[in-house]
Structure formats: structure tokens, C-alpha cells
């Protein structure tokens, strides 16, 4: 089964701190998506910070979302301190 997010926290500089169903914690950079018109509203930091897990993937209050496999495949592991 594919990994899916179970928790998300918005960070500075348009990064997401995501915990996946396999227990991994990873960082996903949303900045490259902000040039795509669909995601442009997330340039507003208040809108960006309204991210949540909808049971399948992460979604924003304005209806934007990113596929769970894309979040996992294009994120980097967070190294424990």
C-alpha cells in the first residue's frame, strides 16, 4: 500500500513537515508549485498555513491538494537530532 500523510505542519519558507503512514517524517517543498496557477493562491502565507490532512492527502482550506505519492516521492527524510 502507498504511503499517505497522517499529520502535517506548515513551516517557514513554504515547507511542509509531514508524517506518513509508515512512520516516516519528511519535508516537502511547496515553492516549485507556486508558479503553477492552480497553486498560486498558496503564495499568501495565511492561506498556506491552512493546510490539513483530509484522510488521504494534504489539502488547503481553499481546496488545493497534492497527491500523496507526489508528497512522498518528492520529499526528503527528516533526520532525527
Protein backbone atom coordinates (compact mmCIF):
# COMPACT_ATOMS: atom_id res chain seq x y z
CA UNK A 1 0.00 0.00 0.00
CA UNK A 2 1.21 3.52 -0.79
CA UNK A 3 2.22 5.86 1.95
CA UNK A 4 -0.18 8.64 2.82
CA UNK A 5 0.13 11.56 5.21
CA UNK A 6 -1.28 11.22 8.71
CA UNK A 7 -0.07 14.59 10.05
CA UNK A 8 1.14 17.85 8.53
CA UNK A 9 2.62 21.05 9.90
CA UNK A 10 3.35 24.13 7.79
CA UNK A 11 6.85 25.55 8.22
CA UNK A 12 8.56 28.75 7.11
CA UNK A 13 9.62 29.18 3.51
CA UNK A 14 6.69 27.11 2.13
CA UNK A 15 7.86 23.81 3.57
CA UNK A 16 5.60 21.11 4.97
CA UNK A 17 6.63 18.78 7.78
CA UNK A 18 4.70 15.58 7.02
CA UNK A 19 4.35 12.34 8.96
CA UNK A 20 3.44 9.41 6.72
CA UNK A 21 1.54 6.20 7.45
CA UNK A 22 4.80 4.22 7.61
CA UNK A 23 6.03 6.40 10.50
CA UNK A 24 8.49 8.41 8.40
CA UNK A 25 8.73 12.14 8.85
CA UNK A 26 9.63 14.07 5.72
CA UNK A 27 9.89 17.65 4.42
CA UNK A 28 8.10 18.70 1.27
CA UNK A 29 8.92 21.96 -0.53
CA UNK A 30 5.82 23.64 -1.97
CA UNK A 31 7.77 26.55 -3.55
CA UNK A 32 8.12 24.96 -7.03
CA UNK A 33 4.34 24.56 -7.18
CA UNK A 34 3.65 28.23 -6.50
CA UNK A 35 4.41 29.14 -10.14
CA UNK A 36 1.52 26.91 -11.29
CA UNK A 37 -1.69 28.96 -11.47
CA UNK A 38 -3.70 26.33 -9.54
CA UNK A 39 -1.35 26.68 -6.54
CA UNK A 40 -0.67 30.44 -6.83
CA UNK A 41 -3.19 31.32 -4.05
CA UNK A 42 -0.89 29.50 -1.61
CA UNK A 43 1.66 32.31 -2.03
CA UNK A 44 -0.47 34.04 0.60
CA UNK A 45 1.20 32.79 3.76
CA UNK A 46 -2.09 32.80 5.69
CA UNK A 47 -3.63 30.53 3.04
CA UNK A 48 -0.52 28.30 3.02
CA UNK A 49 -0.71 27.81 6.79
CA UNK A 50 -4.29 26.45 6.50
CA UNK A 51 -3.07 23.01 5.47
CA UNK A 52 -4.58 19.85 6.96
CA UNK A 53 -4.75 16.08 6.37
CA UNK A 54 -8.07 15.14 4.78
CA UNK A 55 -7.71 11.38 5.35
CA UNK A 56 -5.99 10.72 2.02
CA UNK A 57 -3.55 13.56 1.44
CA UNK A 58 -2.84 17.13 2.50
CA UNK A 59 -5.29 19.81 1.47
CA UNK A 60 -5.67 23.52 2.00
CA UNK A 61 -8.85 25.32 3.05
CA UNK A 62 -9.07 26.77 -0.48
CA UNK A 63 -9.38 23.25 -1.97
CA UNK A 64 -5.83 22.86 -3.32
CA UNK A 65 -4.21 19.48 -2.69
CA UNK A 66 -1.22 17.42 -3.76
CA UNK A 67 -1.34 13.67 -4.44
CA UNK A 68 0.03 11.54 -1.60
CA UNK A 69 2.53 9.71 -3.83
CA UNK A 70 3.88 13.06 -5.03
CA UNK A 71 4.26 14.28 -1.45
CA UNK A 72 6.19 11.15 -0.51
CA UNK A 73 8.27 10.75 -3.67
CA UNK A 74 9.32 14.41 -3.80
CA UNK A 75 10.07 14.94 -0.13
CA UNK A 76 13.21 14.49 1.91
CA UNK A 77 13.54 12.49 5.13
CA UNK A 78 13.87 14.49 8.32
CA UNK A 79 16.97 13.41 10.17
CA UNK A 80 16.38 12.95 13.92
CA UNK A 81 18.61 15.05 16.15
